[in-house]
Full PDB file with SEQRES, HELIX, SHEET, SSBOND, CRYST1, ORIGX, SCALE, CONECT and MASTER records, all heavy atoms in Angstrom:
SEQRES   1 A   35  GLU VAL ASP LEU VAL GLY THR ALA VAL GLY PRO LEU LEU          
SEQRES   2 A   35  VAL ARG ASP VAL ALA ASP LEU VAL PRO ALA CYS ALA GLU          
SEQRES   3 A   35  LEU ASP PRO THR ILE ALA VAL ILE ALA                          
HELIX    1 AA1 VAL A   17  ASP A   19  5                                   3    
HELIX    2 AA2 LEU A   20  LEU A   27  1                                   8    
SHEET    1 AA1 2 ALA A   8  VAL A   9  0                                        
SHEET    2 AA1 2 LEU A  12  LEU A  13 -1                                        
CRYST1    1.000    1.000    1.000  90.00  90.00  90.00 P 1           1          
ORIGX1      1.000000  0.000000  0.000000        0.00000                         
ORIGX2      0.000000  1.000000  0.000000        0.00000                         
ORIGX3      0.000000  0.000000  1.000000        0.00000                         
SCALE1      1.000000  0.000000  0.000000        0.00000                         
SCALE2      0.000000  1.000000  0.000000        0.00000                         
SCALE3      0.000000  0.000000  1.000000        0.00000                         
ATOM      1  N   GLU A   1      -1.489   4.314  -8.619  1.00  0.00           N  
ATOM      2  CA  GLU A   1      -1.807   5.602  -8.132  1.00  0.00           C  
ATOM      3  C   GLU A   1      -1.261   5.910  -6.722  1.00  0.00           C  
ATOM      4  O   GLU A   1      -1.574   5.082  -5.740  1.00  0.00           O  
ATOM      5  CB  GLU A   1      -3.216   5.915  -8.172  1.00  0.00           C  
ATOM      6  CG  GLU A   1      -3.894   6.026  -9.486  1.00  0.00           C  
ATOM      7  CD  GLU A   1      -3.496   7.292 -10.227  1.00  0.00           C  
ATOM      8  OE1 GLU A   1      -3.084   8.248  -9.425  1.00  0.00           O  
ATOM      9  OE2 GLU A   1      -3.515   7.243 -11.437  1.00  0.00           O  
ATOM     10  N   VAL A   2      -0.459   6.940  -6.602  1.00  0.00           N  
ATOM     11  CA  VAL A   2       0.210   7.183  -5.297  1.00  0.00           C  
ATOM     12  C   VAL A   2      -0.731   7.405  -4.272  1.00  0.00           C  
ATOM     13  O   VAL A   2      -0.656   7.036  -3.123  1.00  0.00           O  
ATOM     14  CB  VAL A   2       1.130   8.417  -5.494  1.00  0.00           C  
ATOM     15  CG1 VAL A   2       1.694   8.834  -4.145  1.00  0.00           C  
ATOM     16  CG2 VAL A   2       2.286   8.168  -6.432  1.00  0.00           C  
ATOM     17  N   ASP A   3      -1.961   8.132  -4.517  1.00  0.00           N  
ATOM     18  CA  ASP A   3      -2.947   8.413  -3.536  1.00  0.00           C  
ATOM     19  C   ASP A   3      -3.697   7.192  -3.180  1.00  0.00           C  
ATOM     20  O   ASP A   3      -4.332   7.183  -2.139  1.00  0.00           O  
ATOM     21  CB  ASP A   3      -3.892   9.406  -4.097  1.00  0.00           C  
ATOM     22  CG  ASP A   3      -3.349  10.782  -4.428  1.00  0.00           C  
ATOM     23  OD1 ASP A   3      -2.246  11.084  -3.755  1.00  0.00           O  
ATOM     24  OD2 ASP A   3      -3.883  11.579  -5.168  1.00  0.00           O  
ATOM     25  N   LEU A   4      -3.684   6.068  -3.961  1.00  0.00           N  
ATOM     26  CA  LEU A   4      -4.311   4.918  -3.574  1.00  0.00           C  
ATOM     27  C   LEU A   4      -3.458   3.871  -2.780  1.00  0.00           C  
ATOM     28  O   LEU A   4      -3.948   3.191  -1.896  1.00  0.00           O  
ATOM     29  CB  LEU A   4      -4.961   4.203  -4.857  1.00  0.00           C  
ATOM     30  CG  LEU A   4      -6.114   4.765  -5.421  1.00  0.00           C  
ATOM     31  CD1 LEU A   4      -6.445   4.026  -6.732  1.00  0.00           C  
ATOM     32  CD2 LEU A   4      -7.358   4.778  -4.470  1.00  0.00           C  
ATOM     33  N   VAL A   5      -2.201   3.808  -3.145  1.00  0.00           N  
ATOM     34  CA  VAL A   5      -1.250   2.887  -2.455  1.00  0.00           C  
ATOM     35  C   VAL A   5      -1.233   3.088  -1.069  1.00  0.00           C  
ATOM     36  O   VAL A   5      -0.927   4.234  -0.542  1.00  0.00           O  
ATOM     37  CB  VAL A   5       0.081   2.955  -3.182  1.00  0.00           C  
ATOM     38  CG1 VAL A   5       1.026   1.953  -2.399  1.00  0.00           C  
ATOM     39  CG2 VAL A   5      -0.008   2.552  -4.591  1.00  0.00           C  
ATOM     40  N   GLY A   6      -1.496   2.071  -0.301  1.00  0.00           N  
ATOM     41  CA  GLY A   6      -1.350   2.127   1.178  1.00  0.00           C  
ATOM     42  C   GLY A   6      -2.711   2.364   1.870  1.00  0.00           C  
ATOM     43  O   GLY A   6      -2.868   2.458   3.029  1.00  0.00           O  
ATOM     44  N   THR A   7      -3.749   2.760   1.034  1.00  0.00           N  
ATOM     45  CA  THR A   7      -5.058   3.003   1.585  1.00  0.00           C  
ATOM     46  C   THR A   7      -5.829   1.686   1.743  1.00  0.00           C  
ATOM     47  O   THR A   7      -5.490   0.617   1.100  1.00  0.00           O  
ATOM     48  CB  THR A   7      -5.895   3.910   0.689  1.00  0.00           C  
ATOM     49  OG1 THR A   7      -6.113   3.329  -0.546  1.00  0.00           O  
ATOM     50  CG2 THR A   7      -5.276   5.229   0.492  1.00  0.00           C  
ATOM     51  N   ALA A   8      -6.861   1.707   2.613  1.00  0.00           N  
ATOM     52  CA  ALA A   8      -7.610   0.459   2.765  1.00  0.00           C  
ATOM     53  C   ALA A   8      -8.908   0.335   1.989  1.00  0.00           C  
ATOM     54  O   ALA A   8      -9.592   1.391   1.862  1.00  0.00           O  
ATOM     55  CB  ALA A   8      -8.019   0.388   4.323  1.00  0.00           C  
ATOM     56  N   VAL A   9      -9.105  -0.827   1.485  1.00  0.00           N  
ATOM     57  CA  VAL A   9     -10.388  -1.106   0.819  1.00  0.00           C  
ATOM     58  C   VAL A   9     -10.970  -2.343   1.479  1.00  0.00           C  
ATOM     59  O   VAL A   9     -10.423  -3.451   1.271  1.00  0.00           O  
ATOM     60  CB  VAL A   9     -10.175  -1.416  -0.747  1.00  0.00           C  
ATOM     61  CG1 VAL A   9     -11.544  -1.715  -1.343  1.00  0.00           C  
ATOM     62  CG2 VAL A   9      -9.685  -0.204  -1.434  1.00  0.00           C  
ATOM     63  N   GLY A  10     -11.885  -2.215   2.404  1.00  0.00           N  
ATOM     64  CA  GLY A  10     -12.309  -3.214   3.264  1.00  0.00           C  
ATOM     65  C   GLY A  10     -11.182  -3.619   4.113  1.00  0.00           C  
ATOM     66  O   GLY A  10     -10.493  -2.822   4.683  1.00  0.00           O  
ATOM     67  N   PRO A  11     -10.863  -4.946   4.285  1.00  0.00           N  
ATOM     68  CA  PRO A  11      -9.804  -5.448   5.124  1.00  0.00           C  
ATOM     69  C   PRO A  11      -8.449  -5.418   4.505  1.00  0.00           C  
ATOM     70  O   PRO A  11      -7.485  -5.701   5.141  1.00  0.00           O  
ATOM     71  CB  PRO A  11     -10.290  -6.825   5.491  1.00  0.00           C  
ATOM     72  CG  PRO A  11     -10.939  -7.232   4.196  1.00  0.00           C  
ATOM     73  CD  PRO A  11     -11.658  -6.048   3.659  1.00  0.00           C  
ATOM     74  N   LEU A  12      -8.320  -4.987   3.262  1.00  0.00           N  
ATOM     75  CA  LEU A  12      -7.025  -5.091   2.506  1.00  0.00           C  
ATOM     76  C   LEU A  12      -6.477  -3.686   2.212  1.00  0.00           C  
ATOM     77  O   LEU A  12      -7.209  -2.707   1.952  1.00  0.00           O  
ATOM     78  CB  LEU A  12      -7.223  -5.832   1.190  1.00  0.00           C  
ATOM     79  CG  LEU A  12      -7.637  -7.336   1.287  1.00  0.00           C  
ATOM     80  CD1 LEU A  12      -7.873  -7.876  -0.042  1.00  0.00           C  
ATOM     81  CD2 LEU A  12      -6.650  -8.103   2.083  1.00  0.00           C  
ATOM     82  N   LEU A  13      -5.092  -3.547   2.308  1.00  0.00           N  
ATOM     83  CA  LEU A  13      -4.383  -2.421   1.909  1.00  0.00           C  
ATOM     84  C   LEU A  13      -4.028  -2.497   0.360  1.00  0.00           C  
ATOM     85  O   LEU A  13      -3.616  -3.599  -0.053  1.00  0.00           O  
ATOM     86  CB  LEU A  13      -3.165  -2.180   2.773  1.00  0.00           C  
ATOM     87  CG  LEU A  13      -3.388  -1.846   4.233  1.00  0.00           C  
ATOM     88  CD1 LEU A  13      -2.034  -1.733   4.869  1.00  0.00           C  
ATOM     89  CD2 LEU A  13      -4.237  -0.629   4.412  1.00  0.00           C  
ATOM     90  N   VAL A  14      -4.221  -1.457  -0.305  1.00  0.00           N  
ATOM     91  CA  VAL A  14      -3.727  -1.371  -1.755  1.00  0.00           C  
ATOM     92  C   VAL A  14      -2.250  -1.405  -1.802  1.00  0.00           C  
ATOM     93  O   VAL A  14      -1.619  -0.507  -1.164  1.00  0.00           O  
ATOM     94  CB  VAL A  14      -4.426  -0.240  -2.482  1.00  0.00           C  
ATOM     95  CG1 VAL A  14      -3.947  -0.179  -3.958  1.00  0.00           C  
ATOM     96  CG2 VAL A  14      -5.922  -0.128  -2.368  1.00  0.00           C  
ATOM     97  N   ARG A  15      -1.729  -2.329  -2.591  1.00  0.00           N  
ATOM     98  CA  ARG A  15      -0.252  -2.374  -2.684  1.00  0.00           C  
ATOM     99  C   ARG A  15       0.115  -1.703  -4.058  1.00  0.00           C  
ATOM    100  O   ARG A  15      -0.641  -1.605  -4.976  1.00  0.00           O  
ATOM    101  CB  ARG A  15       0.288  -3.847  -2.702  1.00  0.00           C  
ATOM    102  CG  ARG A  15      -0.114  -4.616  -1.516  1.00  0.00           C  
ATOM    103  CD  ARG A  15       0.527  -5.956  -1.556  1.00  0.00           C  
ATOM    104  NE  ARG A  15       0.125  -6.837  -0.442  1.00  0.00           N  
ATOM    105  CZ  ARG A  15       0.824  -7.884  -0.014  1.00  0.00           C  
ATOM    106  NH1 ARG A  15       2.000  -8.138  -0.534  1.00  0.00           N  
ATOM    107  NH2 ARG A  15       0.334  -8.714   0.957  1.00  0.00           N  
ATOM    108  N   ASP A  16       1.507  -1.482  -4.089  1.00  0.00           N  
ATOM    109  CA  ASP A  16       2.032  -0.807  -5.320  1.00  0.00           C  
ATOM    110  C   ASP A  16       2.060  -1.928  -6.419  1.00  0.00           C  
ATOM    111  O   ASP A  16       2.642  -2.971  -6.128  1.00  0.00           O  
ATOM    112  CB  ASP A  16       3.378  -0.202  -5.117  1.00  0.00           C  
ATOM    113  CG  ASP A  16       3.788   0.708  -6.239  1.00  0.00           C  
ATOM    114  OD1 ASP A  16       3.509   0.384  -7.350  1.00  0.00           O  
ATOM    115  OD2 ASP A  16       4.490   1.624  -5.845  1.00  0.00           O  
ATOM    116  N   VAL A  17       1.657  -1.681  -7.624  1.00  0.00           N  
ATOM    117  CA  VAL A  17       1.597  -2.563  -8.759  1.00  0.00           C  
ATOM    118  C   VAL A  17       3.099  -2.910  -9.045  1.00  0.00           C  
ATOM    119  O   VAL A  17       3.349  -4.059  -9.656  1.00  0.00           O  
ATOM    120  CB  VAL A  17       0.892  -2.160  -9.953  1.00  0.00           C  
ATOM    121  CG1 VAL A  17       1.622  -1.060 -10.680  1.00  0.00           C  
ATOM    122  CG2 VAL A  17       0.479  -3.280 -10.845  1.00  0.00           C  
ATOM    123  N   ALA A  18       4.033  -2.107  -8.658  1.00  0.00           N  
ATOM    124  CA  ALA A  18       5.470  -2.438  -8.940  1.00  0.00           C  
ATOM    125  C   ALA A  18       5.866  -3.629  -8.169  1.00  0.00           C  
ATOM    126  O   ALA A  18       6.934  -4.285  -8.512  1.00  0.00           O  
ATOM    127  CB  ALA A  18       6.342  -1.139  -8.557  1.00  0.00           C  
ATOM    128  N   ASP A  19       5.177  -3.961  -7.073  1.00  0.00           N  
ATOM    129  CA  ASP A  19       5.541  -5.061  -6.252  1.00  0.00           C  
ATOM    130  C   ASP A  19       4.703  -6.319  -6.541  1.00  0.00           C  
ATOM    131  O   ASP A  19       4.638  -7.263  -5.832  1.00  0.00           O  
ATOM    132  CB  ASP A  19       5.397  -4.745  -4.756  1.00  0.00           C  
ATOM    133  CG  ASP A  19       6.263  -3.539  -4.255  1.00  0.00           C  
ATOM    134  OD1 ASP A  19       7.379  -3.409  -4.863  1.00  0.00           O  
ATOM    135  OD2 ASP A  19       5.784  -2.761  -3.481  1.00  0.00           O  
ATOM    136  N   LEU A  20       4.057  -6.321  -7.790  1.00  0.00           N  
ATOM    137  CA  LEU A  20       3.104  -7.413  -8.081  1.00  0.00           C  
ATOM    138  C   LEU A  20       3.731  -8.734  -8.108  1.00  0.00           C  
ATOM    139  O   LEU A  20       3.258  -9.666  -7.515  1.00  0.00           O  
ATOM    140  CB  LEU A  20       2.487  -7.069  -9.473  1.00  0.00           C  
ATOM    141  CG  LEU A  20       1.382  -8.034  -9.896  1.00  0.00           C  
ATOM    142  CD1 LEU A  20       0.283  -8.125  -8.918  1.00  0.00           C  
ATOM    143  CD2 LEU A  20       0.927  -7.650 -11.283  1.00  0.00           C  
ATOM    144  N   VAL A  21       4.886  -8.883  -8.770  1.00  0.00           N  
ATOM    145  CA  VAL A  21       5.520 -10.206  -8.899  1.00  0.00           C  
ATOM    146  C   VAL A  21       5.907 -10.767  -7.551  1.00  0.00           C  
ATOM    147  O   VAL A  21       5.505 -11.878  -7.230  1.00  0.00           O  
ATOM    148  CB  VAL A  21       6.707 -10.131  -9.868  1.00  0.00           C  
ATOM    149  CG1 VAL A  21       7.416 -11.467  -9.939  1.00  0.00           C  
ATOM    150  CG2 VAL A  21       6.158  -9.855 -11.275  1.00  0.00           C  
ATOM    151  N   PRO A  22       6.674 -10.120  -6.694  1.00  0.00           N  
ATOM    152  CA  PRO A  22       7.111 -10.688  -5.417  1.00  0.00           C  
ATOM    153  C   PRO A  22       5.867 -10.788  -4.564  1.00  0.00           C  
ATOM    154  O   PRO A  22       5.806 -11.758  -3.710  1.00  0.00           O  
ATOM    155  CB  PRO A  22       8.042  -9.651  -4.891  1.00  0.00           C  
ATOM    156  CG  PRO A  22       7.843  -8.303  -5.583  1.00  0.00           C  
ATOM    157  CD  PRO A  22       7.435  -8.812  -6.941  1.00  0.00           C  
ATOM    158  N   ALA A  23       4.837  -9.963  -4.574  1.00  0.00           N  
ATOM    159  CA  ALA A  23       3.654 -10.068  -3.679  1.00  0.00           C  
ATOM    160  C   ALA A  23       2.928 -11.334  -4.085  1.00  0.00           C  
ATOM    161  O   ALA A  23       2.326 -12.023  -3.229  1.00  0.00           O  
ATOM    162  CB  ALA A  23       2.821  -8.843  -3.895  1.00  0.00           C  
ATOM    163  N   CYS A  24       2.840 -11.777  -5.430  1.00  0.00           N  
ATOM    164  CA  CYS A  24       2.139 -12.861  -5.877  1.00  0.00           C  
ATOM    165  C   CYS A  24       2.800 -14.198  -5.298  1.00  0.00           C  
ATOM    166  O   CYS A  24       2.169 -15.088  -4.894  1.00  0.00           O  
ATOM    167  CB  CYS A  24       1.984 -12.942  -7.400  1.00  0.00           C  
ATOM    168  SG  CYS A  24       0.772 -11.902  -8.056  1.00  0.00           S  
ATOM    169  N   ALA A  25       4.235 -14.025  -5.146  1.00  0.00           N  
ATOM    170  CA  ALA A  25       4.882 -15.238  -4.588  1.00  0.00           C  
ATOM    171  C   ALA A  25       4.529 -15.372  -3.119  1.00  0.00           C  
ATOM    172  O   ALA A  25       4.496 -16.543  -2.585  1.00  0.00           O  
ATOM    173  CB  ALA A  25       6.427 -14.982  -4.738  1.00  0.00           C  
ATOM    174  N   GLU A  26       4.069 -14.323  -2.470  1.00  0.00           N  
ATOM    175  CA  GLU A  26       3.837 -14.356  -1.024  1.00  0.00           C  
ATOM    176  C   GLU A  26       2.248 -14.758  -0.949  1.00  0.00           C  
ATOM    177  O   GLU A  26       1.977 -15.594  -0.168  1.00  0.00           O  
ATOM    178  CB  GLU A  26       3.989 -12.982  -0.448  1.00  0.00           C  
ATOM    179  CG  GLU A  26       3.272 -12.875   0.976  1.00  0.00           C  
ATOM    180  CD  GLU A  26       3.084 -11.333   1.276  1.00  0.00           C  
ATOM    181  OE1 GLU A  26       3.657 -10.487   0.688  1.00  0.00           O  
ATOM    182  OE2 GLU A  26       2.198 -11.133   2.171  1.00  0.00           O  
ATOM    183  N   LEU A  27       1.424 -14.245  -1.758  1.00  0.00           N  
ATOM    184  CA  LEU A  27      -0.010 -14.405  -1.591  1.00  0.00           C  
ATOM    185  C   LEU A  27      -0.508 -15.715  -2.260  1.00  0.00           C  
ATOM    186  O   LEU A  27      -1.453 -16.249  -1.940  1.00  0.00           O  
ATOM    187  CB  LEU A  27      -0.732 -13.263  -2.279  1.00  0.00           C  
ATOM    188  CG  LEU A  27      -0.484 -11.906  -1.662  1.00  0.00           C  
ATOM    189  CD1 LEU A  27      -1.136 -10.813  -2.552  1.00  0.00           C  
ATOM    190  CD2 LEU A  27      -1.080 -11.822  -0.273  1.00  0.00           C  
ATOM    191  N   ASP A  28       0.275 -16.245  -3.231  1.00  0.00           N  
ATOM    192  CA  ASP A  28       0.039 -17.463  -3.905  1.00  0.00           C  
ATOM    193  C   ASP A  28      -1.469 -17.514  -4.489  1.00  0.00           C  
ATOM    194  O   ASP A  28      -2.238 -18.396  -4.249  1.00  0.00           O  
ATOM    195  CB  ASP A  28       0.218 -18.714  -2.912  1.00  0.00           C  
ATOM    196  CG  ASP A  28       0.246 -20.039  -3.638  1.00  0.00           C  
ATOM    197  OD1 ASP A  28       0.636 -20.019  -4.916  1.00  0.00           O  
ATOM    198  OD2 ASP A  28      -0.041 -21.037  -2.970  1.00  0.00           O  
ATOM    199  N   PRO A  29      -1.775 -16.547  -5.297  1.00  0.00           N  
ATOM    200  CA  PRO A  29      -3.087 -16.505  -5.845  1.00  0.00           C  
ATOM    201  C   PRO A  29      -3.278 -17.583  -6.969  1.00  0.00           C  
ATOM    202  O   PRO A  29      -2.361 -18.059  -7.545  1.00  0.00           O  
ATOM    203  CB  PRO A  29      -3.228 -15.093  -6.419  1.00  0.00           C  
ATOM    204  CG  PRO A  29      -1.802 -14.900  -6.957  1.00  0.00           C  
ATOM    205  CD  PRO A  29      -0.977 -15.488  -5.848  1.00  0.00           C  
ATOM    206  N   THR A  30      -4.568 -17.986  -7.119  1.00  0.00           N  
ATOM    207  CA  THR A  30      -4.916 -18.867  -8.325  1.00  0.00           C  
ATOM    208  C   THR A  30      -5.593 -18.215  -9.458  1.00  0.00           C  
ATOM    209  O   THR A  30      -5.621 -18.772 -10.575  1.00  0.00           O  
ATOM    210  CB  THR A  30      -5.781 -20.047  -7.762  1.00  0.00           C  
ATOM    211  OG1 THR A  30      -7.010 -19.431  -7.157  1.00  0.00           O  
ATOM    212  CG2 THR A  30      -5.052 -20.889  -6.694  1.00  0.00           C  
ATOM    213  N   ILE A  31      -6.120 -16.968  -9.273  1.00  0.00           N  
ATOM    214  CA  ILE A  31      -6.826 -16.295 -10.267  1.00  0.00           C  
ATOM    215  C   ILE A  31      -6.424 -14.867 -10.126  1.00  0.00           C  
ATOM    216  O   ILE A  31      -6.264 -14.290  -8.964  1.00  0.00           O  
ATOM    217  CB  ILE A  31      -8.340 -16.443 -10.117  1.00  0.00           C  
ATOM    218  CG1 ILE A  31      -8.756 -17.873 -10.423  1.00  0.00           C  
ATOM    219  CG2 ILE A  31      -9.063 -15.445 -11.075  1.00  0.00           C  
ATOM    220  CD1 ILE A  31     -10.265 -18.136 -10.233  1.00  0.00           C  
ATOM    221  N   ALA A  32      -6.283 -14.058 -11.228  1.00  0.00           N  
ATOM    222  CA  ALA A  32      -6.082 -12.687 -11.185  1.00  0.00           C  
ATOM    223  C   ALA A  32      -7.078 -12.013 -12.003  1.00  0.00           C  
ATOM    224  O   ALA A  32      -7.630 -12.467 -13.013  1.00  0.00           O  
ATOM    225  CB  ALA A  32      -4.742 -12.323 -11.875  1.00  0.00           C  
ATOM    226  N   VAL A  33      -7.490 -10.723 -11.574  1.00  0.00           N  
ATOM    227  CA  VAL A  33      -8.507  -9.970 -12.202  1.00  0.00           C  
ATOM    228  C   VAL A  33      -7.876  -8.654 -12.604  1.00  0.00           C  
ATOM    229  O   VAL A  33      -7.198  -7.923 -11.860  1.00  0.00           O  
ATOM    230  CB  VAL A  33      -9.709  -9.632 -11.302  1.00  0.00           C  
ATOM    231  CG1 VAL A  33     -10.704  -8.757 -12.063  1.00  0.00           C  
ATOM    232  CG2 VAL A  33     -10.425 -10.940 -10.912  1.00  0.00           C  
ATOM    233  N   ILE A  34      -8.024  -8.259 -13.949  1.00  0.00           N  
ATOM    234  CA  ILE A  34      -7.496  -6.994 -14.358  1.00  0.00           C  
ATOM    235  C   ILE A  34      -8.633  -5.937 -14.599  1.00  0.00           C  
ATOM    236  O   ILE A  34      -9.503  -6.232 -15.306  1.00  0.00           O  
ATOM    237  CB  ILE A  34      -6.726  -7.227 -15.787  1.00  0.00           C  
ATOM    238  CG1 ILE A  34      -5.573  -8.187 -15.585  1.00  0.00           C  
ATOM    239  CG2 ILE A  34      -6.308  -5.903 -16.367  1.00  0.00           C  
ATOM    240  CD1 ILE A  34      -4.898  -8.576 -16.888  1.00  0.00           C  
ATOM    241  N   ALA A  35      -8.535  -4.881 -13.938  1.00  0.00           N  
ATOM    242  CA  ALA A  35      -9.572  -3.772 -14.083  1.00  0.00           C  
ATOM    243  C   ALA A  35      -8.830  -2.481 -14.189  1.00  0.00           C  
ATOM    244  O   ALA A  35      -9.115  -1.497 -13.420  1.00  0.00           O  
ATOM    245  CB  ALA A  35     -10.426  -3.778 -12.829  1.00  0.00           C  
TER     246      ALA A  35                                                      
MASTER        0    0    0    2    2    0    0    6  245    1    0    3          
END                                                                             
């Protein structure tokens, strides 16, 4: 959602899901949650 991307939820900024794959390479997550 354009209105959500870039907004803050707690200490984190919402990223564009289009950047999910490269962002995961940076964040190195072990678990993902789909909502």
